[in-house]
Amino acid sequence: MVLSELRPGEKARIVDFSRVHEVVQHRLMYLGMKDHSEIWLRRKLPFGGPYMVMMDGQGIGIRAREAQRIRVERR
């Protein structure tokens, strides 16, 4: 499954985010995202807006098209 399929409040573990654009991938890695990191979806903003996720105590906004490329597994 992918990050965009999670419901608000659900926790997941990142399986793979290599399909994300290389520049965005590097920015996410600088923020601490890596394979097997645990995240939870805080909220989906309306009208195709970004996804707000929490990871290691910090909030991160991820574009909808990037959220569709991050593979996760529910916890």
N, C-alpha and C. Protein backbone atom coordinates (compact mmCIF):
# COMPACT_ATOMS: atom_id res chain seq x y z
N MET A 1 0.83 -1.18 0.00
CA MET A 1 0.00 0.00 0.00
C MET A 1 0.88 1.23 0.00
N VAL A 2 0.31 2.36 -0.29
CA VAL A 2 1.05 3.62 -0.33
C VAL A 2 0.53 4.57 0.74
N LEU A 3 1.32 5.58 1.05
CA LEU A 3 1.00 6.54 2.10
C LEU A 3 -0.35 7.21 1.88
N SER A 4 -0.70 7.49 0.66
CA SER A 4 -1.96 8.18 0.38
C SER A 4 -3.19 7.33 0.70
N GLU A 5 -3.02 6.02 0.92
CA GLU A 5 -4.14 5.15 1.24
C GLU A 5 -4.42 5.08 2.75
N LEU A 6 -3.53 5.65 3.56
CA LEU A 6 -3.76 5.64 5.00
C LEU A 6 -4.89 6.59 5.36
N ARG A 7 -5.53 6.31 6.47
CA ARG A 7 -6.55 7.20 7.01
C ARG A 7 -5.92 8.03 8.12
N PRO A 8 -6.43 9.23 8.36
CA PRO A 8 -5.87 10.05 9.44
C PRO A 8 -5.87 9.28 10.77
N GLY A 9 -4.74 9.36 11.46
CA GLY A 9 -4.57 8.68 12.73
C GLY A 9 -3.92 7.32 12.63
N GLU A 10 -3.80 6.76 11.44
CA GLU A 10 -3.18 5.45 11.27
C GLU A 10 -1.66 5.55 11.28
N LYS A 11 -1.04 4.55 11.90
CA LYS A 11 0.41 4.46 11.92
C LYS A 11 0.86 3.48 10.86
N ALA A 12 2.07 3.73 10.36
CA ALA A 12 2.63 2.85 9.33
C ALA A 12 4.15 2.88 9.42
N ARG A 13 4.75 1.93 8.75
CA ARG A 13 6.20 1.87 8.66
C ARG A 13 6.56 2.03 7.19
N ILE A 14 7.54 2.85 6.90
CA ILE A 14 7.96 3.09 5.52
C ILE A 14 8.69 1.86 5.00
N VAL A 15 8.25 1.37 3.86
CA VAL A 15 8.87 0.21 3.24
C VAL A 15 9.85 0.65 2.16
N ASP A 16 9.42 1.63 1.33
CA ASP A 16 10.27 2.06 0.22
C ASP A 16 9.81 3.44 -0.25
N PHE A 17 10.75 4.35 -0.43
CA PHE A 17 10.40 5.63 -1.03
C PHE A 17 11.37 6.00 -2.15
N SER A 18 11.88 4.98 -2.81
CA SER A 18 12.82 5.20 -3.91
C SER A 18 12.14 5.71 -5.18
N ARG A 19 10.82 5.59 -5.27
CA ARG A 19 10.10 6.07 -6.47
C ARG A 19 9.84 7.58 -6.42
N VAL A 20 10.12 8.19 -5.27
CA VAL A 20 9.96 9.64 -5.11
C VAL A 20 11.07 10.34 -5.89
N HIS A 21 10.77 11.50 -6.42
CA HIS A 21 11.77 12.28 -7.18
C HIS A 21 13.03 12.42 -6.33
N GLU A 22 14.18 12.33 -6.98
CA GLU A 22 15.47 12.29 -6.29
C GLU A 22 15.69 13.50 -5.37
N VAL A 23 15.34 14.69 -5.81
CA VAL A 23 15.53 15.89 -4.99
C VAL A 23 14.67 15.81 -3.74
N VAL A 24 13.42 15.43 -3.91
CA VAL A 24 12.50 15.31 -2.77
C VAL A 24 12.97 14.20 -1.84
N GLN A 25 13.47 13.12 -2.42
CA GLN A 25 13.97 12.01 -1.62
C GLN A 25 15.11 12.46 -0.71
N HIS A 26 16.02 13.25 -1.23
CA HIS A 26 17.13 13.75 -0.42
C HIS A 26 16.64 14.68 0.68
N ARG A 27 15.66 15.52 0.39
CA ARG A 27 15.12 16.42 1.41
C ARG A 27 14.45 15.63 2.52
N LEU A 28 13.71 14.59 2.15
CA LEU A 28 13.07 13.75 3.17
C LEU A 28 14.10 13.02 4.01
N MET A 29 15.18 12.59 3.40
CA MET A 29 16.24 11.92 4.16
C MET A 29 16.90 12.89 5.15
N TYR A 30 17.09 14.15 4.74
CA TYR A 30 17.65 15.15 5.65
C TYR A 30 16.73 15.38 6.85
N LEU A 31 15.43 15.20 6.65
CA LEU A 31 14.48 15.34 7.74
C LEU A 31 14.39 14.09 8.61
N GLY A 32 15.11 13.05 8.23
CA GLY A 32 15.15 11.84 9.04
C GLY A 32 14.35 10.67 8.50
N MET A 33 13.73 10.82 7.35
CA MET A 33 12.95 9.72 6.79
C MET A 33 13.89 8.69 6.17
N LYS A 34 13.66 7.45 6.50
CA LYS A 34 14.43 6.35 5.92
C LYS A 34 13.54 5.12 5.92
N ASP A 35 13.99 4.09 5.23
CA ASP A 35 13.22 2.85 5.22
C ASP A 35 13.08 2.35 6.66
N HIS A 36 11.91 1.82 6.97
CA HIS A 36 11.56 1.26 8.28
C HIS A 36 11.30 2.33 9.34
N SER A 37 11.25 3.61 8.96
CA SER A 37 10.85 4.65 9.91
C SER A 37 9.36 4.52 10.18
N GLU A 38 8.96 4.81 11.41
CA GLU A 38 7.54 4.77 11.73
C GLU A 38 6.96 6.18 11.60
N ILE A 39 5.83 6.27 10.92
CA ILE A 39 5.15 7.55 10.74
C ILE A 39 3.68 7.35 11.06
N TRP A 40 2.97 8.45 11.27
CA TRP A 40 1.52 8.37 11.34
C TRP A 40 0.94 9.56 10.61
N LEU A 41 -0.16 9.29 9.93
CA LEU A 41 -0.82 10.31 9.12
C LEU A 41 -1.65 11.18 10.04
N ARG A 42 -1.28 12.43 10.12
CA ARG A 42 -2.02 13.36 10.98
C ARG A 42 -3.30 13.82 10.30
N ARG A 43 -3.17 14.25 9.04
CA ARG A 43 -4.36 14.67 8.29
C ARG A 43 -4.07 14.80 6.81
N LYS A 44 -5.13 14.70 6.03
CA LYS A 44 -5.07 14.95 4.59
C LYS A 44 -5.77 16.28 4.36
N LEU A 45 -5.11 17.17 3.70
CA LEU A 45 -5.73 18.46 3.43
C LEU A 45 -6.62 18.34 2.19
N PRO A 46 -7.71 19.09 2.15
CA PRO A 46 -8.68 18.94 1.06
C PRO A 46 -8.17 19.43 -0.30
N PHE A 47 -8.92 19.03 -1.32
CA PHE A 47 -8.69 19.47 -2.70
C PHE A 47 -7.31 19.08 -3.23
N GLY A 48 -6.85 17.89 -2.88
CA GLY A 48 -5.57 17.41 -3.38
C GLY A 48 -4.37 18.07 -2.73
N GLY A 49 -4.58 18.65 -1.56
CA GLY A 49 -3.49 19.32 -0.84
C GLY A 49 -2.53 18.32 -0.22
N PRO A 50 -1.56 18.83 0.52
CA PRO A 50 -0.53 17.95 1.07
C PRO A 50 -1.05 17.05 2.20
N TYR A 51 -0.27 16.04 2.48
CA TYR A 51 -0.53 15.12 3.58
C TYR A 51 0.36 15.54 4.74
N MET A 52 -0.20 15.67 5.91
CA MET A 52 0.57 16.03 7.10
C MET A 52 0.87 14.75 7.86
N VAL A 53 2.14 14.42 7.98
CA VAL A 53 2.56 13.22 8.70
C VAL A 53 3.45 13.61 9.87
N MET A 54 3.45 12.77 10.88
CA MET A 54 4.32 12.96 12.04
C MET A 54 5.36 11.85 12.01
N MET A 55 6.61 12.25 12.26
CA MET A 55 7.70 11.29 12.26
C MET A 55 8.75 11.78 13.25
N ASP A 56 9.07 10.95 14.22
CA ASP A 56 10.09 11.30 15.23
C ASP A 56 9.81 12.64 15.90
N GLY A 57 8.54 12.92 16.18
CA GLY A 57 8.17 14.13 16.90
C GLY A 57 8.11 15.39 16.07
N GLN A 58 8.26 15.28 14.76
CA GLN A 58 8.16 16.46 13.92
C GLN A 58 7.11 16.26 12.84
N GLY A 59 6.45 17.35 12.46
CA GLY A 59 5.45 17.31 11.42
C GLY A 59 6.06 17.62 10.07
N ILE A 60 5.64 16.86 9.06
CA ILE A 60 6.16 17.04 7.70
C ILE A 60 4.98 17.09 6.74
N GLY A 61 5.00 18.03 5.82
CA GLY A 61 4.00 18.10 4.77
C GLY A 61 4.54 17.45 3.51
N ILE A 62 3.78 16.54 2.94
CA ILE A 62 4.21 15.82 1.74
C ILE A 62 3.15 16.01 0.66
N ARG A 63 3.58 16.39 -0.52
CA ARG A 63 2.64 16.57 -1.63
C ARG A 63 1.89 15.27 -1.91
N ALA A 64 0.67 15.41 -2.41
CA ALA A 64 -0.17 14.25 -2.69
C ALA A 64 0.50 13.32 -3.69
N ARG A 65 1.11 13.87 -4.73
CA ARG A 65 1.73 12.99 -5.74
C ARG A 65 2.94 12.25 -5.17
N GLU A 66 3.63 12.83 -4.21
CA GLU A 66 4.74 12.14 -3.56
C GLU A 66 4.22 11.08 -2.60
N ALA A 67 3.10 11.37 -1.92
CA ALA A 67 2.50 10.40 -1.00
C ALA A 67 2.03 9.15 -1.73
N GLN A 68 1.70 9.29 -3.01
CA GLN A 68 1.28 8.14 -3.81
C GLN A 68 2.44 7.27 -4.23
N ARG A 69 3.68 7.72 -3.99
CA ARG A 69 4.86 6.97 -4.39
C ARG A 69 5.62 6.38 -3.21
N ILE A 70 5.19 6.70 -1.99
CA ILE A 70 5.86 6.17 -0.79
C ILE A 70 5.12 4.93 -0.34
N ARG A 71 5.79 3.78 -0.41
CA ARG A 71 5.19 2.51 0.01
C ARG A 71 5.33 2.36 1.51
N VAL A 72 4.22 1.97 2.16
CA VAL A 72 4.20 1.79 3.61
C VAL A 72 3.51 0.48 3.95
N GLU A 73 3.65 0.09 5.21
CA GLU A 73 2.93 -1.07 5.70
C GLU A 73 2.30 -0.66 7.03
N ARG A 74 0.99 -0.91 7.16
CA ARG A 74 0.26 -0.51 8.35
C ARG A 74 0.82 -1.16 9.60
N ARG A 75 0.68 -0.45 10.71
CA ARG A 75 1.10 -0.98 12.01
C ARG A 75 -0.09 -1.43 12.79
